[in-house]
Amino acid sequence: MRIGTDIVNIPRMGQALARRPGLAARLFTAEERRYCESKRDSAQHFAVRFAAKEAVAKALGKSLRWQEVEIRRTAGGVPRVILRNSAEKIAAGGRMEISLSHSGDYAIACAIYEEPVVG
């Protein structure tokens, strides 16, 4: 089992997205952008998803492309990780859990990767 965690300053994320209009498309999937942009404080939701992507990469122990990790909410509101391409191959057979939180100026994410049982 491996764990990854990351924290992001929400105002700083908001400023970065405002300064660089193409940044959101580079860092987040179309589904993530739709979700975040539908919220009153979109920077908060972008920041926690960015923290989640970093936490997932740390839990897997590999650098990943931003678009290979997507954070979605289930119908019940529970966040889940969708892995694609090389990220999916790295995690093959394992299980990834994610927890997201934000308060004040900070967003934090914790990812736990349970490696597949061999043999």
PDB file of N, CA and C in Angstrom:
ATOM      1  N   MET A   1       0.850  -1.164   0.000  1.00  0.00           N
ATOM      2  CA  MET A   1       0.000   0.000   0.000  1.00  0.00           C
ATOM      3  C   MET A   1       0.900   1.232   0.000  1.00  0.00           C
ATOM      4  N   ARG A   2       0.511   2.222  -0.807  1.00  0.00           N
ATOM      5  CA  ARG A   2       1.283   3.472  -0.866  1.00  0.00           C
ATOM      6  C   ARG A   2       0.330   4.649  -0.752  1.00  0.00           C
ATOM      7  N   ILE A   3       0.842   5.727  -0.199  1.00  0.00           N
ATOM      8  CA  ILE A   3       0.020   6.920   0.021  1.00  0.00           C
ATOM      9  C   ILE A   3       0.681   8.130  -0.629  1.00  0.00           C
ATOM     10  N   GLY A   4      -0.138   9.038  -1.102  1.00  0.00           N
ATOM     11  CA  GLY A   4       0.344  10.301  -1.644  1.00  0.00           C
ATOM     12  C   GLY A   4      -0.556  11.408  -1.146  1.00  0.00           C
ATOM     13  N   THR A   5       0.026  12.560  -0.875  1.00  0.00           N
ATOM     14  CA  THR A   5      -0.772  13.697  -0.423  1.00  0.00           C
ATOM     15  C   THR A   5      -0.232  14.967  -1.047  1.00  0.00           C
ATOM     16  N   ASP A   6      -1.098  15.955  -1.213  1.00  0.00           N
ATOM     17  CA  ASP A   6      -0.671  17.229  -1.776  1.00  0.00           C
ATOM     18  C   ASP A   6      -1.608  18.326  -1.285  1.00  0.00           C
ATOM     19  N   ILE A   7      -1.064  19.515  -1.176  1.00  0.00           N
ATOM     20  CA  ILE A   7      -1.842  20.679  -0.749  1.00  0.00           C
ATOM     21  C   ILE A   7      -1.605  21.811  -1.747  1.00  0.00           C
ATOM     22  N   VAL A   8      -2.655  22.555  -2.065  1.00  0.00           N
ATOM     23  CA  VAL A   8      -2.585  23.627  -3.056  1.00  0.00           C
ATOM     24  C   VAL A   8      -3.222  24.886  -2.474  1.00  0.00           C
ATOM     25  N   ASN A   9      -2.585  26.017  -2.711  1.00  0.00           N
ATOM     26  CA  ASN A   9      -3.135  27.301  -2.310  1.00  0.00           C
ATOM     27  C   ASN A   9      -4.204  27.707  -3.328  1.00  0.00           C
ATOM     28  N   ILE A  10      -5.441  27.835  -2.877  1.00  0.00           N
ATOM     29  CA  ILE A  10      -6.574  28.096  -3.773  1.00  0.00           C
ATOM     30  C   ILE A  10      -6.447  29.441  -4.492  1.00  0.00           C
ATOM     31  N   PRO A  11      -6.164  30.566  -3.799  1.00  0.00           N
ATOM     32  CA  PRO A  11      -6.028  31.833  -4.519  1.00  0.00           C
ATOM     33  C   PRO A  11      -4.912  31.798  -5.571  1.00  0.00           C
ATOM     34  N   ARG A  12      -3.836  31.117  -5.258  1.00  0.00           N
ATOM     35  CA  ARG A  12      -2.736  31.012  -6.218  1.00  0.00           C
ATOM     36  C   ARG A  12      -3.170  30.238  -7.469  1.00  0.00           C
ATOM     37  N   MET A  13      -3.948  29.173  -7.287  1.00  0.00           N
ATOM     38  CA  MET A  13      -4.477  28.423  -8.431  1.00  0.00           C
ATOM     39  C   MET A  13      -5.390  29.322  -9.258  1.00  0.00           C
ATOM     40  N   GLY A  14      -6.262  30.061  -8.600  1.00  0.00           N
ATOM     41  CA  GLY A  14      -7.163  30.967  -9.302  1.00  0.00           C
ATOM     42  C   GLY A  14      -6.407  32.011 -10.113  1.00  0.00           C
ATOM     43  N   GLN A  15      -5.354  32.559  -9.533  1.00  0.00           N
ATOM     44  CA  GLN A  15      -4.533  33.554 -10.229  1.00  0.00           C
ATOM     45  C   GLN A  15      -3.832  32.940 -11.435  1.00  0.00           C
ATOM     46  N   ALA A  16      -3.299  31.736 -11.273  1.00  0.00           N
ATOM     47  CA  ALA A  16      -2.609  31.061 -12.379  1.00  0.00           C
ATOM     48  C   ALA A  16      -3.581  30.789 -13.529  1.00  0.00           C
ATOM     49  N   LEU A  17      -4.781  30.347 -13.212  1.00  0.00           N
ATOM     50  CA  LEU A  17      -5.772  30.067 -14.253  1.00  0.00           C
ATOM     51  C   LEU A  17      -6.209  31.349 -14.953  1.00  0.00           C
ATOM     52  N   ALA A  18      -6.316  32.442 -14.216  1.00  0.00           N
ATOM     53  CA  ALA A  18      -6.716  33.725 -14.800  1.00  0.00           C
ATOM     54  C   ALA A  18      -5.614  34.289 -15.702  1.00  0.00           C
ATOM     55  N   ARG A  19      -4.355  34.130 -15.310  1.00  0.00           N
ATOM     56  CA  ARG A  19      -3.215  34.642 -16.086  1.00  0.00           C
ATOM     57  C   ARG A  19      -2.974  33.863 -17.366  1.00  0.00           C
ATOM     58  N   ARG A  20      -3.237  32.562 -17.310  1.00  0.00           N
ATOM     59  CA  ARG A  20      -2.931  31.690 -18.450  1.00  0.00           C
ATOM     60  C   ARG A  20      -4.197  30.964 -18.886  1.00  0.00           C
ATOM     61  N   PRO A  21      -4.926  31.526 -19.827  1.00  0.00           N
ATOM     62  CA  PRO A  21      -6.211  30.960 -20.240  1.00  0.00           C
ATOM     63  C   PRO A  21      -6.161  29.494 -20.708  1.00  0.00           C
ATOM     64  N   GLY A  22      -5.070  29.049 -21.268  1.00  0.00           N
ATOM     65  CA  GLY A  22      -4.969  27.669 -21.729  1.00  0.00           C
ATOM     66  C   GLY A  22      -4.565  26.679 -20.653  1.00  0.00           C
ATOM     67  N   LEU A  23      -4.263  27.167 -19.462  1.00  0.00           N
ATOM     68  CA  LEU A  23      -3.770  26.290 -18.403  1.00  0.00           C
ATOM     69  C   LEU A  23      -4.802  25.252 -17.973  1.00  0.00           C
ATOM     70  N   ALA A  24      -6.044  25.654 -17.833  1.00  0.00           N
ATOM     71  CA  ALA A  24      -7.083  24.709 -17.394  1.00  0.00           C
ATOM     72  C   ALA A  24      -7.210  23.559 -18.381  1.00  0.00           C
ATOM     73  N   ALA A  25      -7.150  23.852 -19.677  1.00  0.00           N
ATOM     74  CA  ALA A  25      -7.267  22.794 -20.690  1.00  0.00           C
ATOM     75  C   ALA A  25      -6.057  21.868 -20.670  1.00  0.00           C
ATOM     76  N   ARG A  26      -4.901  22.388 -20.259  1.00  0.00           N
ATOM     77  CA  ARG A  26      -3.701  21.547 -20.191  1.00  0.00           C
ATOM     78  C   ARG A  26      -3.713  20.640 -18.967  1.00  0.00           C
ATOM     79  N   LEU A  27      -4.230  21.144 -17.850  1.00  0.00           N
ATOM     80  CA  LEU A  27      -4.172  20.407 -16.588  1.00  0.00           C
ATOM     81  C   LEU A  27      -5.373  19.504 -16.329  1.00  0.00           C
ATOM     82  N   PHE A  28      -6.535  19.881 -16.866  1.00  0.00           N
ATOM     83  CA  PHE A  28      -7.772  19.204 -16.501  1.00  0.00           C
ATOM     84  C   PHE A  28      -8.508  18.669 -17.720  1.00  0.00           C
ATOM     85  N   THR A  29      -9.194  17.560 -17.532  1.00  0.00           N
ATOM     86  CA  THR A  29      -9.989  16.981 -18.611  1.00  0.00           C
ATOM     87  C   THR A  29     -11.222  17.858 -18.848  1.00  0.00           C
ATOM     88  N   ALA A  30     -11.871  17.641 -19.977  1.00  0.00           N
ATOM     89  CA  ALA A  30     -13.077  18.410 -20.302  1.00  0.00           C
ATOM     90  C   ALA A  30     -14.143  18.215 -19.221  1.00  0.00           C
ATOM     91  N   GLU A  31     -14.286  16.997 -18.719  1.00  0.00           N
ATOM     92  CA  GLU A  31     -15.270  16.717 -17.672  1.00  0.00           C
ATOM     93  C   GLU A  31     -14.933  17.469 -16.382  1.00  0.00           C
ATOM     94  N   GLU A  32     -13.659  17.486 -16.011  1.00  0.00           N
ATOM     95  CA  GLU A  32     -13.243  18.216 -14.812  1.00  0.00           C
ATOM     96  C   GLU A  32     -13.505  19.711 -14.977  1.00  0.00           C
ATOM     97  N   ARG A  33     -13.187  20.245 -16.140  1.00  0.00           N
ATOM     98  CA  ARG A  33     -13.423  21.672 -16.382  1.00  0.00           C
ATOM     99  C   ARG A  33     -14.906  22.007 -16.310  1.00  0.00           C
ATOM    100  N   ARG A  34     -15.743  21.166 -16.918  1.00  0.00           N
ATOM    101  CA  ARG A  34     -17.197  21.398 -16.849  1.00  0.00           C
ATOM    102  C   ARG A  34     -17.673  21.440 -15.400  1.00  0.00           C
ATOM    103  N   TYR A  35     -17.231  20.471 -14.625  1.00  0.00           N
ATOM    104  CA  TYR A  35     -17.649  20.400 -13.220  1.00  0.00           C
ATOM    105  C   TYR A  35     -17.187  21.650 -12.460  1.00  0.00           C
ATOM    106  N   CYS A  36     -15.902  21.962 -12.538  1.00  0.00           N
ATOM    107  CA  CYS A  36     -15.345  23.083 -11.775  1.00  0.00           C
ATOM    108  C   CYS A  36     -15.962  24.416 -12.191  1.00  0.00           C
ATOM    109  N   GLU A  37     -16.122  24.608 -13.489  1.00  0.00           N
ATOM    110  CA  GLU A  37     -16.659  25.867 -13.987  1.00  0.00           C
ATOM    111  C   GLU A  37     -18.135  26.043 -13.649  1.00  0.00           C
ATOM    112  N   SER A  38     -18.820  24.969 -13.277  1.00  0.00           N
ATOM    113  CA  SER A  38     -20.224  25.073 -12.892  1.00  0.00           C
ATOM    114  C   SER A  38     -20.392  25.515 -11.437  1.00  0.00           C
ATOM    115  N   LYS A  39     -19.288  25.599 -10.716  1.00  0.00           N
ATOM    116  CA  LYS A  39     -19.330  25.948  -9.293  1.00  0.00           C
ATOM    117  C   LYS A  39     -19.049  27.442  -9.092  1.00  0.00           C
ATOM    118  N   ARG A  40     -19.627  27.981  -8.018  1.00  0.00           N
ATOM    119  CA  ARG A  40     -19.451  29.409  -7.713  1.00  0.00           C
ATOM    120  C   ARG A  40     -17.974  29.759  -7.538  1.00  0.00           C
ATOM    121  N   ASP A  41     -17.244  28.990  -6.742  1.00  0.00           N
ATOM    122  CA  ASP A  41     -15.812  29.224  -6.529  1.00  0.00           C
ATOM    123  C   ASP A  41     -15.030  28.160  -7.295  1.00  0.00           C
ATOM    124  N   SER A  42     -14.914  28.355  -8.602  1.00  0.00           N
ATOM    125  CA  SER A  42     -14.276  27.332  -9.448  1.00  0.00           C
ATOM    126  C   SER A  42     -12.822  27.088  -9.056  1.00  0.00           C
ATOM    127  N   ALA A  43     -12.115  28.126  -8.594  1.00  0.00           N
ATOM    128  CA  ALA A  43     -10.703  27.958  -8.217  1.00  0.00           C
ATOM    129  C   ALA A  43     -10.543  26.913  -7.127  1.00  0.00           C
ATOM    130  N   GLN A  44     -11.473  26.888  -6.188  1.00  0.00           N
ATOM    131  CA  GLN A  44     -11.434  25.904  -5.098  1.00  0.00           C
ATOM    132  C   GLN A  44     -11.518  24.485  -5.651  1.00  0.00           C
ATOM    133  N   HIS A  45     -12.384  24.275  -6.621  1.00  0.00           N
ATOM    134  CA  HIS A  45     -12.587  22.941  -7.187  1.00  0.00           C
ATOM    135  C   HIS A  45     -11.440  22.539  -8.120  1.00  0.00           C
ATOM    136  N   PHE A  46     -10.907  23.505  -8.858  1.00  0.00           N
ATOM    137  CA  PHE A  46      -9.724  23.222  -9.673  1.00  0.00           C
ATOM    138  C   PHE A  46      -8.534  22.883  -8.767  1.00  0.00           C
ATOM    139  N   ALA A  47      -8.363  23.647  -7.699  1.00  0.00           N
ATOM    140  CA  ALA A  47      -7.219  23.436  -6.802  1.00  0.00           C
ATOM    141  C   ALA A  47      -7.247  22.054  -6.162  1.00  0.00           C
ATOM    142  N   VAL A  48      -8.416  21.620  -5.706  1.00  0.00           N
ATOM    143  CA  VAL A  48      -8.479  20.313  -5.045  1.00  0.00           C
ATOM    144  C   VAL A  48      -8.253  19.192  -6.059  1.00  0.00           C
ATOM    145  N   ARG A  49      -8.674  19.373  -7.299  1.00  0.00           N
ATOM    146  CA  ARG A  49      -8.421  18.367  -8.329  1.00  0.00           C
ATOM    147  C   ARG A  49      -6.941  18.325  -8.712  1.00  0.00           C
ATOM    148  N   PHE A  50      -6.305  19.492  -8.740  1.00  0.00           N
ATOM    149  CA  PHE A  50      -4.872  19.520  -9.008  1.00  0.00           C
ATOM    150  C   PHE A  50      -4.124  18.801  -7.888  1.00  0.00           C
ATOM    151  N   ALA A  51      -4.494  19.079  -6.644  1.00  0.00           N
ATOM    152  CA  ALA A  51      -3.874  18.385  -5.504  1.00  0.00           C
ATOM    153  C   ALA A  51      -4.091  16.882  -5.616  1.00  0.00           C
ATOM    154  N   ALA A  52      -5.276  16.479  -6.049  1.00  0.00           N
ATOM    155  CA  ALA A  52      -5.586  15.055  -6.194  1.00  0.00           C
ATOM    156  C   ALA A  52      -4.703  14.401  -7.247  1.00  0.00           C
ATOM    157  N   LYS A  53      -4.509  15.069  -8.372  1.00  0.00           N
ATOM    158  CA  LYS A  53      -3.653  14.510  -9.435  1.00  0.00           C
ATOM    159  C   LYS A  53      -2.225  14.320  -8.920  1.00  0.00           C
ATOM    160  N   GLU A  54      -1.737  15.309  -8.182  1.00  0.00           N
ATOM    161  CA  GLU A  54      -0.397  15.202  -7.594  1.00  0.00           C
ATOM    162  C   GLU A  54      -0.340  14.063  -6.576  1.00  0.00           C
ATOM    163  N   ALA A  55      -1.360  13.944  -5.749  1.00  0.00           N
ATOM    164  CA  ALA A  55      -1.395  12.882  -4.733  1.00  0.00           C
ATOM    165  C   ALA A  55      -1.419  11.505  -5.385  1.00  0.00           C
ATOM    166  N   VAL A  56      -2.170  11.363  -6.466  1.00  0.00           N
ATOM    167  CA  VAL A  56      -2.226  10.082  -7.189  1.00  0.00           C
ATOM    168  C   VAL A  56      -0.848   9.737  -7.753  1.00  0.00           C
ATOM    169  N   ALA A  57      -0.183  10.709  -8.356  1.00  0.00           N
ATOM    170  CA  ALA A  57       1.159  10.464  -8.903  1.00  0.00           C
ATOM    171  C   ALA A  57       2.125  10.042  -7.795  1.00  0.00           C
ATOM    172  N   LYS A  58       2.035  10.684  -6.647  1.00  0.00           N
ATOM    173  CA  LYS A  58       2.899  10.327  -5.520  1.00  0.00           C
ATOM    174  C   LYS A  58       2.593   8.920  -5.016  1.00  0.00           C
ATOM    175  N   ALA A  59       1.319   8.568  -4.954  1.00  0.00           N
ATOM    176  CA  ALA A  59       0.944   7.230  -4.493  1.00  0.00           C
ATOM    177  C   ALA A  59       1.433   6.155  -5.462  1.00  0.00           C
ATOM    178  N   LEU A  60       1.421   6.471  -6.753  1.00  0.00           N
ATOM    179  CA  LEU A  60       1.903   5.509  -7.756  1.00  0.00           C
ATOM    180  C   LEU A  60       3.419   5.538  -7.896  1.00  0.00           C
ATOM    181  N   GLY A  61       4.037   6.587  -7.389  1.00  0.00           N
ATOM    182  CA  GLY A  61       5.496   6.693  -7.458  1.00  0.00           C
ATOM    183  C   GLY A  61       6.019   7.025  -8.838  1.00  0.00           C
ATOM    184  N   LYS A  62       5.195   7.676  -9.665  1.00  0.00           N
ATOM    185  CA  LYS A  62       5.578   7.998 -11.045  1.00  0.00           C
ATOM    186  C   LYS A  62       5.064   9.370 -11.439  1.00  0.00           C
ATOM    187  N   SER A  63       5.787  10.019 -12.343  1.00  0.00           N
ATOM    188  CA  SER A  63       5.264  11.242 -12.956  1.00  0.00           C
ATOM    189  C   SER A  63       4.205  10.829 -13.959  1.00  0.00           C
ATOM    190  N   LEU A  64       3.121  11.578 -14.012  1.00  0.00           N
ATOM    191  CA  LEU A  64       2.019  11.258 -14.918  1.00  0.00           C
ATOM    192  C   LEU A  64       1.655  12.487 -15.739  1.00  0.00           C
ATOM    193  N   ARG A  65       1.059  12.249 -16.878  1.00  0.00           N
ATOM    194  CA  ARG A  65       0.519  13.365 -17.662  1.00  0.00           C
ATOM    195  C   ARG A  65      -0.794  13.788 -17.014  1.00  0.00           C
ATOM    196  N   TRP A  66      -1.033  15.087 -16.990  1.00  0.00           N
ATOM    197  CA  TRP A  66      -2.207  15.625 -16.297  1.00  0.00           C
ATOM    198  C   TRP A  66      -3.511  15.009 -16.785  1.00  0.00           C
ATOM    199  N   GLN A  67      -3.641  14.815 -18.084  1.00  0.00           N
ATOM    200  CA  GLN A  67      -4.890  14.318 -18.653  1.00  0.00           C
ATOM    201  C   GLN A  67      -5.111  12.830 -18.379  1.00  0.00           C
ATOM    202  N   GLU A  68      -4.093  12.138 -17.876  1.00  0.00           N
ATOM    203  CA  GLU A  68      -4.218  10.706 -17.603  1.00  0.00           C
ATOM    204  C   GLU A  68      -4.908  10.405 -16.271  1.00  0.00           C
ATOM    205  N   VAL A  69      -5.062  11.429 -15.469  1.00  0.00           N
ATOM    206  CA  VAL A  69      -5.719  11.276 -14.169  1.00  0.00           C
ATOM    207  C   VAL A  69      -6.927  12.209 -14.144  1.00  0.00           C
ATOM    208  N   GLU A  70      -8.104  11.645 -13.929  1.00  0.00           N
ATOM    209  CA  GLU A  70      -9.314  12.448 -13.855  1.00  0.00           C
ATOM    210  C   GLU A  70      -9.995  12.197 -12.519  1.00  0.00           C
ATOM    211  N   ILE A  71     -10.454  13.268 -11.904  1.00  0.00           N
ATOM    212  CA  ILE A  71     -11.164  13.161 -10.633  1.00  0.00           C
ATOM    213  C   ILE A  71     -12.636  13.463 -10.907  1.00  0.00           C
ATOM    214  N   ARG A  72     -13.475  12.493 -10.602  1.00  0.00           N
ATOM    215  CA  ARG A  72     -14.925  12.635 -10.798  1.00  0.00           C
ATOM    216  C   ARG A  72     -15.637  12.404  -9.481  1.00  0.00           C
ATOM    217  N   ARG A  73     -16.860  12.868  -9.418  1.00  0.00           N
ATOM    218  CA  ARG A  73     -17.712  12.605  -8.261  1.00  0.00           C
ATOM    219  C   ARG A  73     -18.765  11.592  -8.679  1.00  0.00           C
ATOM    220  N   THR A  74     -19.011  10.629  -7.814  1.00  0.00           N
ATOM    221  CA  THR A  74     -20.070   9.660  -8.077  1.00  0.00           C
ATOM    222  C   THR A  74     -21.410  10.337  -7.828  1.00  0.00           C
ATOM    223  N   ALA A  75     -22.490   9.656  -8.161  1.00  0.00           N
ATOM    224  CA  ALA A  75     -23.836  10.193  -7.929  1.00  0.00           C
ATOM    225  C   ALA A  75     -24.031  10.532  -6.449  1.00  0.00           C
ATOM    226  N   GLY A  76     -23.364   9.792  -5.572  1.00  0.00           N
ATOM    227  CA  GLY A  76     -23.461  10.047  -4.133  1.00  0.00           C
ATOM    228  C   GLY A  76     -22.512  11.128  -3.644  1.00  0.00           C
ATOM    229  N   GLY A  77     -21.729  11.718  -4.551  1.00  0.00           N
ATOM    230  CA  GLY A  77     -20.816  12.793  -4.187  1.00  0.00           C
ATOM    231  C   GLY A  77     -19.431  12.351  -3.770  1.00  0.00           C
ATOM    232  N   VAL A  78     -19.165  11.052  -3.801  1.00  0.00           N
ATOM    233  CA  VAL A  78     -17.848  10.528  -3.409  1.00  0.00           C
ATOM    234  C   VAL A  78     -16.871  10.705  -4.574  1.00  0.00           C
ATOM    235  N   PRO A  79     -15.689  11.271  -4.324  1.00  0.00           N
ATOM    236  CA  PRO A  79     -14.722  11.417  -5.422  1.00  0.00           C
ATOM    237  C   PRO A  79     -14.116  10.070  -5.795  1.00  0.00           C
ATOM    238  N   ARG A  80     -13.848   9.916  -7.084  1.00  0.00           N
ATOM    239  CA  ARG A  80     -13.155   8.705  -7.533  1.00  0.00           C
ATOM    240  C   ARG A  80     -12.153   9.081  -8.602  1.00  0.00           C
ATOM    241  N   VAL A  81     -11.165   8.228  -8.758  1.00  0.00           N
ATOM    242  CA  VAL A  81     -10.063   8.453  -9.686  1.00  0.00           C
ATOM    243  C   VAL A  81     -10.287   7.621 -10.940  1.00  0.00           C
ATOM    244  N   ILE A  82     -10.165   8.261 -12.083  1.00  0.00           N
ATOM    245  CA  ILE A  82     -10.194   7.573 -13.374  1.00  0.00           C
ATOM    246  C   ILE A  82      -8.775   7.674 -13.938  1.00  0.00           C
ATOM    247  N   LEU A  83      -8.156   6.545 -14.214  1.00  0.00           N
ATOM    248  CA  LEU A  83      -6.805   6.521 -14.776  1.00  0.00           C
ATOM    249  C   LEU A  83      -6.874   6.102 -16.234  1.00  0.00           C
ATOM    250  N   ARG A  84      -6.041   6.737 -17.060  1.00  0.00           N
ATOM    251  CA  ARG A  84      -5.997   6.420 -18.486  1.00  0.00           C
ATOM    252  C   ARG A  84      -4.544   6.225 -18.929  1.00  0.00           C
ATOM    253  N   ASN A  85      -4.404   5.535 -20.049  1.00  0.00           N
ATOM    254  CA  ASN A  85      -3.112   5.357 -20.728  1.00  0.00           C
ATOM    255  C   ASN A  85      -2.035   4.830 -19.785  1.00  0.00           C
ATOM    256  N   SER A  86      -0.890   5.525 -19.704  1.00  0.00           N
ATOM    257  CA  SER A  86       0.217   4.986 -18.905  1.00  0.00           C
ATOM    258  C   SER A  86      -0.134   4.931 -17.414  1.00  0.00           C
ATOM    259  N   ALA A  87      -0.934   5.857 -16.927  1.00  0.00           N
ATOM    260  CA  ALA A  87      -1.339   5.822 -15.508  1.00  0.00           C
ATOM    261  C   ALA A  87      -2.132   4.555 -15.217  1.00  0.00           C
ATOM    262  N   GLU A  88      -3.005   4.190 -16.137  1.00  0.00           N
ATOM    263  CA  GLU A  88      -3.803   2.967 -15.966  1.00  0.00           C
ATOM    264  C   GLU A  88      -2.904   1.733 -15.984  1.00  0.00           C
ATOM    265  N   LYS A  89      -1.890   1.743 -16.842  1.00  0.00           N
ATOM    266  CA  LYS A  89      -0.962   0.612 -16.914  1.00  0.00           C
ATOM    267  C   LYS A  89      -0.135   0.496 -15.637  1.00  0.00           C
ATOM    268  N   ILE A  90       0.316   1.622 -15.104  1.00  0.00           N
ATOM    269  CA  ILE A  90       1.111   1.620 -13.873  1.00  0.00           C
ATOM    270  C   ILE A  90       0.305   1.037 -12.713  1.00  0.00           C
ATOM    271  N   ALA A  91      -0.973   1.383 -12.654  1.00  0.00           N
ATOM    272  CA  ALA A  91      -1.824   0.954 -11.543  1.00  0.00           C
ATOM    273  C   ALA A  91      -2.544  -0.362 -11.809  1.00  0.00           C
ATOM    274  N   ALA A  92      -2.273  -0.995 -12.927  1.00  0.00           N
ATOM    275  CA  ALA A  92      -3.006  -2.194 -13.350  1.00  0.00           C
ATOM    276  C   ALA A  92      -3.196  -3.184 -12.210  1.00  0.00           C
ATOM    277  N   GLY A  93      -4.447  -3.524 -11.984  1.00  0.00           N
ATOM    278  CA  GLY A  93      -4.772  -4.519 -10.973  1.00  0.00           C
ATOM    279  C   GLY A  93      -4.847  -3.989  -9.561  1.00  0.00           C
ATOM    280  N   GLY A  94      -4.405  -2.752  -9.361  1.00  0.00           N
ATOM    281  CA  GLY A  94      -4.437  -2.168  -8.021  1.00  0.00           C
ATOM    282  C   GLY A  94      -5.705  -1.359  -7.807  1.00  0.00           C
ATOM    283  N   ARG A  95      -5.845  -0.838  -6.619  1.00  0.00           N
ATOM    284  CA  ARG A  95      -7.025  -0.055  -6.262  1.00  0.00           C
ATOM    285  C   ARG A  95      -6.589   1.308  -5.729  1.00  0.00           C
ATOM    286  N   MET A  96      -7.227   2.376  -6.230  1.00  0.00           N
ATOM    287  CA  MET A  96      -6.890   3.737  -5.823  1.00  0.00           C
ATOM    288  C   MET A  96      -8.093   4.357  -5.120  1.00  0.00           C
ATOM    289  N   GLU A  97      -7.860   4.921  -3.960  1.00  0.00           N
ATOM    290  CA  GLU A  97      -8.880   5.663  -3.225  1.00  0.00           C
ATOM    291  C   GLU A  97      -8.380   7.093  -3.059  1.00  0.00           C
ATOM    292  N   ILE A  98      -9.310   8.044  -3.029  1.00  0.00           N
ATOM    293  CA  ILE A  98      -8.933   9.455  -2.923  1.00  0.00           C
ATOM    294  C   ILE A  98      -9.844  10.161  -1.929  1.00  0.00           C
ATOM    295  N   SER A  99      -9.281  11.090  -1.192  1.00  0.00           N
ATOM    296  CA  SER A  99     -10.051  11.938  -0.288  1.00  0.00           C
ATOM    297  C   SER A  99      -9.670  13.382  -0.581  1.00  0.00           C
ATOM    298  N   LEU A 100     -10.679  14.247  -0.701  1.00  0.00           N
ATOM    299  CA  LEU A 100     -10.463  15.653  -1.034  1.00  0.00           C
ATOM    300  C   LEU A 100     -11.046  16.532   0.065  1.00  0.00           C
ATOM    301  N   SER A 101     -10.392  17.663   0.309  1.00  0.00           N
ATOM    302  CA  SER A 101     -10.932  18.611   1.276  1.00  0.00           C
ATOM    303  C   SER A 101     -10.400  20.002   0.952  1.00  0.00           C
ATOM    304  N   HIS A 102     -11.164  21.006   1.337  1.00  0.00           N
ATOM    305  CA  HIS A 102     -10.692  22.384   1.206  1.00  0.00           C
ATOM    306  C   HIS A 102     -11.255  23.210   2.345  1.00  0.00           C
ATOM    307  N   SER A 103     -10.431  24.157   2.794  1.00  0.00           N
ATOM    308  CA  SER A 103     -10.826  25.042   3.879  1.00  0.00           C
ATOM    309  C   SER A 103     -10.005  26.314   3.758  1.00  0.00           C
ATOM    310  N   GLY A 104     -10.678  27.445   3.822  1.00  0.00           N
ATOM    311  CA  GLY A 104      -9.954  28.710   3.708  1.00  0.00           C
ATOM    312  C   GLY A 104      -9.222  28.799   2.387  1.00  0.00           C
ATOM    313  N   ASP A 105      -7.933  29.053   2.460  1.00  0.00           N
ATOM    314  CA  ASP A 105      -7.112  29.234   1.252  1.00  0.00           C
ATOM    315  C   ASP A 105      -6.486  27.953   0.732  1.00  0.00           C
ATOM    316  N   TYR A 106      -6.787  26.798   1.327  1.00  0.00           N
ATOM    317  CA  TYR A 106      -6.081  25.584   0.953  1.00  0.00           C
ATOM    318  C   TYR A 106      -6.994  24.430   0.560  1.00  0.00           C
ATOM    319  N   ALA A 107      -6.507  23.671  -0.401  1.00  0.00           N
ATOM    320  CA  ALA A 107      -7.166  22.436  -0.838  1.00  0.00           C
ATOM    321  C   ALA A 107      -6.156  21.313  -0.638  1.00  0.00           C
ATOM    322  N   ILE A 108      -6.621  20.178  -0.155  1.00  0.00           N
ATOM    323  CA  ILE A 108      -5.726  19.053   0.111  1.00  0.00           C
ATOM    324  C   ILE A 108      -6.352  17.769  -0.426  1.00  0.00           C
ATOM    325  N   ALA A 109      -5.480  16.871  -0.849  1.00  0.00           N
ATOM    326  CA  ALA A 109      -5.942  15.564  -1.323  1.00  0.00           C
ATOM    327  C   ALA A 109      -5.005  14.494  -0.793  1.00  0.00           C
ATOM    328  N   CYS A 110      -5.596  13.345  -0.508  1.00  0.00           N
ATOM    329  CA  CYS A 110      -4.838  12.187  -0.063  1.00  0.00           C
ATOM    330  C   CYS A 110      -5.256  11.002  -0.933  1.00  0.00           C
ATOM    331  N   ALA A 111      -4.279  10.339  -1.526  1.00  0.00           N
ATOM    332  CA  ALA A 111      -4.540   9.164  -2.363  1.00  0.00           C
ATOM    333  C   ALA A 111      -3.890   7.951  -1.728  1.00  0.00           C
ATOM    334  N   ILE A 112      -4.606   6.855  -1.751  1.00  0.00           N
ATOM    335  CA  ILE A 112      -4.070   5.582  -1.261  1.00  0.00           C
ATOM    336  C   ILE A 112      -4.170   4.585  -2.397  1.00  0.00           C
ATOM    337  N   TYR A 113      -3.025   3.993  -2.721  1.00  0.00           N
ATOM    338  CA  TYR A 113      -2.964   2.984  -3.770  1.00  0.00           C
ATOM    339  C   TYR A 113      -2.657   1.638  -3.130  1.00  0.00           C
ATOM    340  N   GLU A 114      -3.550   0.694  -3.353  1.00  0.00           N
ATOM    341  CA  GLU A 114      -3.349  -0.665  -2.852  1.00  0.00           C
ATOM    342  C   GLU A 114      -2.875  -1.506  -4.026  1.00  0.00           C
ATOM    343  N   GLU A 115      -1.647  -1.977  -3.920  1.00  0.00           N
ATOM    344  CA  GLU A 115      -1.067  -2.776  -4.996  1.00  0.00           C
ATOM    345  C   GLU A 115      -1.818  -4.109  -5.125  1.00  0.00           C
ATOM    346  N   PRO A 116      -1.832  -4.643  -6.344  1.00  0.00           N
ATOM    347  CA  PRO A 116      -2.509  -5.926  -6.525  1.00  0.00           C
ATOM    348  C   PRO A 116      -1.809  -7.048  -5.764  1.00  0.00           C
ATOM    349  N   VAL A 117      -2.596  -7.988  -5.303  1.00  0.00           N
ATOM    350  CA  VAL A 117      -2.045  -9.147  -4.600  1.00  0.00           C
ATOM    351  C   VAL A 117      -1.495 -10.100  -5.656  1.00  0.00           C
ATOM    352  N   VAL A 118      -0.255 -10.484  -5.484  1.00  0.00           N
ATOM    353  CA  VAL A 118       0.408 -11.385  -6.435  1.00  0.00           C
ATOM    354  C   VAL A 118       0.399 -12.799  -5.867  1.00  0.00           C
ATOM    355  N   GLY A 119       0.040 -13.730  -6.738  1.00  0.00           N
ATOM    356  CA  GLY A 119       0.131 -15.134  -6.356  1.00  0.00           C
ATOM    357  C   GLY A 119      -1.037 -15.608  -5.628  1.00  0.00           C
TER     358      GLY A 119
END
